[in-house]
Amino acid sequence: MKFTQPANSRAAKADATRAAILASARKAFAEHGYDGAGLRGIAEAAGVTAMMVGRYFGSKEGLFGEVVTDTMRDPIILSQDNLKRAELSRAFAEALVGVTTQGKVPLDGFLILFRSTGSATAARIARERIASVHHATATAAISGDHASERAALFLAIVAGVQMMRQMLELEPLTKAKPALLVELLTPVISSLIESGK
């Protein structure tokens, strides 16, 4: 008599395999960028074959897109809690200063983008995913004219602070008291997201 696994067991195994590949790819892309990460290394670290990666994600491009989307699932700055706060600009400023505090490891999503900018393919994929998630969320939080452009400028400020404070460690940003940075950033963010005209 042949033993067959229950369908839910196969589904659970498939979910676990997919999650392992995503975790491995997220780490590889964060450390080496799009061009520096290889499917064989990602597969090996996940305990699967490169063929299995292809079965789940189709290609390196497909995998990279899923990883970028995965890094956006639990936003820190554009979180639902921050979006509900009465002082939206201050909430964003506090979150940005908090996430870039000296000694904190930069977010995977930021590292992946930072280390992949030299690839036109990675830039295209990241641009599409950012537009559909973070830019769409920020635009929806802004009222008045030019909401899309103002949301994009807000995202540029977020990325700029992350780069200058965490990656390049510009001393006035690393040595400043967090409360001061929040006070300075709040009106800058407010001018973009709260001015209706």
Protein backbone atom coordinates (compact mmCIF):
# COMPACT_ATOMS: atom_id res chain seq x y z
CA MET A 1 0.00 0.00 0.00
CA LYS A 2 1.34 3.40 -1.02
CA PHE A 3 1.44 6.15 1.60
CA THR A 4 0.47 9.62 0.38
CA GLN A 5 1.11 12.80 2.27
CA PRO A 6 -1.87 14.97 3.10
CA ALA A 7 -2.25 17.94 0.76
CA ASN A 8 -1.86 20.41 3.62
CA SER A 9 1.51 18.87 4.51
CA ARG A 10 2.74 19.39 0.94
CA ALA A 11 1.45 22.96 1.00
CA ALA A 12 3.20 23.61 4.31
CA LYS A 13 6.46 22.21 2.90
CA ALA A 14 6.10 24.37 -0.22
CA ASP A 15 5.48 27.46 1.93
CA ALA A 16 8.53 26.65 4.07
CA THR A 17 10.70 26.17 0.98
CA ARG A 18 9.51 29.44 -0.53
CA ALA A 19 10.17 31.26 2.75
CA ALA A 20 13.68 29.77 3.01
CA ILE A 21 14.53 30.89 -0.53
CA LEU A 22 13.18 34.40 0.14
CA ALA A 23 15.16 34.68 3.39
CA SER A 24 18.34 33.51 1.69
CA ALA A 25 17.83 35.87 -1.25
CA ARG A 26 17.03 38.81 1.02
CA LYS A 27 20.31 38.28 2.88
CA ALA A 28 22.31 37.81 -0.34
CA PHE A 29 20.86 40.88 -2.07
CA ALA A 30 21.36 43.00 1.08
CA GLU A 31 25.01 41.94 1.31
CA HIS A 32 25.99 41.84 -2.37
CA GLY A 33 23.35 43.71 -4.37
CA TYR A 34 21.56 42.41 -7.43
CA ASP A 35 24.60 41.83 -9.62
CA GLY A 36 26.73 40.33 -6.83
CA ALA A 37 24.22 37.74 -5.66
CA GLY A 38 24.00 34.47 -7.58
CA LEU A 39 21.12 32.04 -7.76
CA ARG A 40 23.35 29.06 -6.92
CA GLY A 41 24.59 30.68 -3.72
CA ILE A 42 21.05 31.71 -2.76
CA ALA A 43 19.79 28.19 -3.43
CA GLU A 44 22.62 26.55 -1.49
CA ALA A 45 22.03 28.76 1.56
CA ALA A 46 18.33 27.89 1.41
CA GLY A 47 19.08 24.17 1.17
CA VAL A 48 17.58 23.78 -2.30
CA THR A 49 18.77 23.63 -5.91
CA ALA A 50 18.93 26.54 -8.34
CA MET A 51 16.28 24.70 -10.36
CA MET A 52 13.99 24.84 -7.33
CA VAL A 53 14.50 28.61 -7.07
CA GLY A 54 13.45 28.86 -10.70
CA ARG A 55 10.37 26.76 -10.05
CA TYR A 56 9.21 29.09 -7.27
CA PHE A 57 10.24 32.47 -8.67
CA GLY A 58 10.84 31.99 -12.39
CA SER A 59 14.10 33.92 -12.65
CA LYS A 60 16.55 36.09 -10.76
CA GLU A 61 14.45 39.10 -11.74
CA GLY A 62 11.31 37.48 -10.36
CA LEU A 63 13.09 36.57 -7.14
CA PHE A 64 14.49 40.08 -6.74
CA GLY A 65 11.04 41.57 -7.24
CA GLU A 66 9.56 39.31 -4.59
CA VAL A 67 12.38 40.15 -2.17
CA VAL A 68 11.87 43.90 -2.68
CA THR A 69 8.14 43.46 -2.08
CA ASP A 70 8.86 41.32 0.98
CA THR A 71 10.99 44.11 2.52
CA MET A 72 7.98 46.44 2.25
CA ARG A 73 5.49 44.20 4.06
CA ASP A 74 6.06 45.71 7.51
CA PRO A 75 6.92 49.38 6.96
CA ILE A 76 8.46 51.29 9.84
CA ILE A 77 8.00 54.87 8.69
CA LEU A 78 4.82 54.45 6.62
CA SER A 79 3.31 52.10 9.21
CA GLN A 80 -0.42 52.05 9.86
CA ASP A 81 0.22 53.32 13.41
CA ASN A 82 2.13 56.34 12.11
CA LEU A 83 -0.45 57.02 9.41
CA LYS A 84 -3.16 57.21 12.11
CA ARG A 85 -1.30 59.71 14.27
CA ALA A 86 -2.62 63.26 14.50
CA GLU A 87 0.88 64.74 14.10
CA LEU A 88 1.77 62.82 10.96
CA SER A 89 4.95 64.74 10.13
CA ARG A 90 6.33 64.29 13.64
CA ALA A 91 5.45 60.59 13.56
CA PHE A 92 7.40 60.17 10.30
CA ALA A 93 10.34 62.21 11.62
CA GLU A 94 10.51 60.18 14.84
CA ALA A 95 10.37 56.90 12.93
CA LEU A 96 13.08 58.00 10.48
CA VAL A 97 15.40 59.21 13.25
CA GLY A 98 14.72 56.06 15.26
CA VAL A 99 15.44 53.66 12.42
CA THR A 100 18.70 55.43 11.51
CA THR A 101 20.09 55.65 15.04
CA GLN A 102 23.83 55.02 15.15
CA GLY A 103 24.58 51.38 15.85
CA LYS A 104 21.36 50.11 14.30
CA VAL A 105 21.77 47.87 11.28
CA PRO A 106 20.36 49.54 8.17
CA LEU A 107 17.10 48.04 6.98
CA ASP A 108 17.42 45.17 4.49
CA GLY A 109 15.23 46.97 1.99
CA PHE A 110 17.46 50.02 2.03
CA LEU A 111 20.65 47.94 1.77
CA ILE A 112 19.24 45.97 -1.14
CA LEU A 113 18.40 49.14 -3.05
CA PHE A 114 21.63 50.90 -2.08
CA ARG A 115 23.78 47.98 -3.23
CA SER A 116 21.77 47.33 -6.40
CA THR A 117 21.61 50.80 -7.94
CA GLY A 118 24.28 49.97 -10.52
CA SER A 119 21.97 47.45 -12.19
CA ALA A 120 19.42 48.84 -14.66
CA THR A 121 17.33 45.69 -14.17
CA ALA A 122 17.31 46.02 -10.38
CA ALA A 123 16.56 49.75 -10.61
CA ARG A 124 13.56 49.09 -12.86
CA ILE A 125 12.18 46.40 -10.58
CA ALA A 126 12.74 48.49 -7.45
CA ARG A 127 11.17 51.57 -9.07
CA GLU A 128 8.05 49.59 -10.00
CA ARG A 129 7.69 48.04 -6.54
CA ILE A 130 8.35 51.31 -4.69
CA ALA A 131 5.79 53.07 -6.89
CA SER A 132 3.13 50.45 -6.18
CA VAL A 133 3.72 50.26 -2.42
CA HIS A 134 5.57 53.08 -0.61
CA HIS A 135 4.83 55.83 -3.12
CA ALA A 136 1.17 54.84 -3.34
CA THR A 137 0.88 54.81 0.47
CA ALA A 138 2.59 58.19 0.85
CA THR A 139 0.51 59.74 -1.95
CA ALA A 140 -2.71 58.54 -0.31
CA ALA A 141 -1.66 60.23 2.96
CA ILE A 142 -1.21 63.60 1.24
CA SER A 143 -4.02 65.94 0.30
CA GLY A 144 -3.94 68.86 -2.08
CA ASP A 145 -2.10 69.60 -5.29
CA HIS A 146 0.90 67.66 -6.57
CA ALA A 147 0.46 64.84 -4.04
CA SER A 148 2.40 62.37 -6.18
CA GLU A 149 5.41 64.67 -6.57
CA ARG A 150 5.36 65.62 -2.89
CA ALA A 151 5.19 61.95 -1.89
CA ALA A 152 8.19 61.20 -4.12
CA LEU A 153 10.16 64.05 -2.52
CA PHE A 154 9.27 62.72 0.92
CA LEU A 155 10.61 59.27 -0.05
CA ALA A 156 13.78 60.94 -1.39
CA ILE A 157 14.31 62.66 1.97
CA VAL A 158 13.83 59.34 3.79
CA ALA A 159 16.38 57.63 1.54
CA GLY A 160 18.79 60.56 1.82
CA VAL A 161 18.71 60.57 5.61
CA GLN A 162 19.23 56.80 5.65
CA MET A 163 22.23 57.08 3.35
CA MET A 164 23.88 60.11 4.98
CA ARG A 165 23.22 59.08 8.58
CA GLN A 166 23.66 55.30 8.42
CA MET A 167 25.77 54.47 5.41
CA LEU A 168 28.11 57.46 5.12
CA GLU A 169 27.82 58.39 8.83
CA LEU A 170 27.97 62.13 8.25
CA GLU A 171 29.06 63.41 11.65
CA PRO A 172 26.51 66.21 12.18
CA LEU A 173 23.79 63.58 11.69
CA THR A 174 25.39 60.82 13.74
CA LYS A 175 26.41 63.08 16.64
CA ALA A 176 23.21 65.16 16.82
CA LYS A 177 20.74 64.43 19.58
CA PRO A 178 17.78 62.50 18.18
CA ALA A 179 15.31 65.03 19.59
CA LEU A 180 17.04 67.82 17.66
CA LEU A 181 16.88 65.86 14.40
CA VAL A 182 13.18 65.21 14.96
CA GLU A 183 12.59 68.94 15.55
CA LEU A 184 14.50 69.86 12.39
CA LEU A 185 12.94 67.18 10.21
CA THR A 186 9.33 67.66 11.28
CA PRO A 187 8.77 71.01 9.49
CA VAL A 188 10.63 69.77 6.40
CA ILE A 189 8.37 66.74 6.17
CA SER A 190 5.35 68.84 7.03
CA SER A 191 6.06 71.22 4.15
CA LEU A 192 5.76 68.26 1.78
CA ILE A 193 2.96 66.17 3.18
CA GLU A 194 0.72 68.70 4.90
CA SER A 195 0.72 71.77 2.69
CA GLY A 196 -2.34 71.48 0.48
CA LYS A 197 -1.32 73.93 -2.22
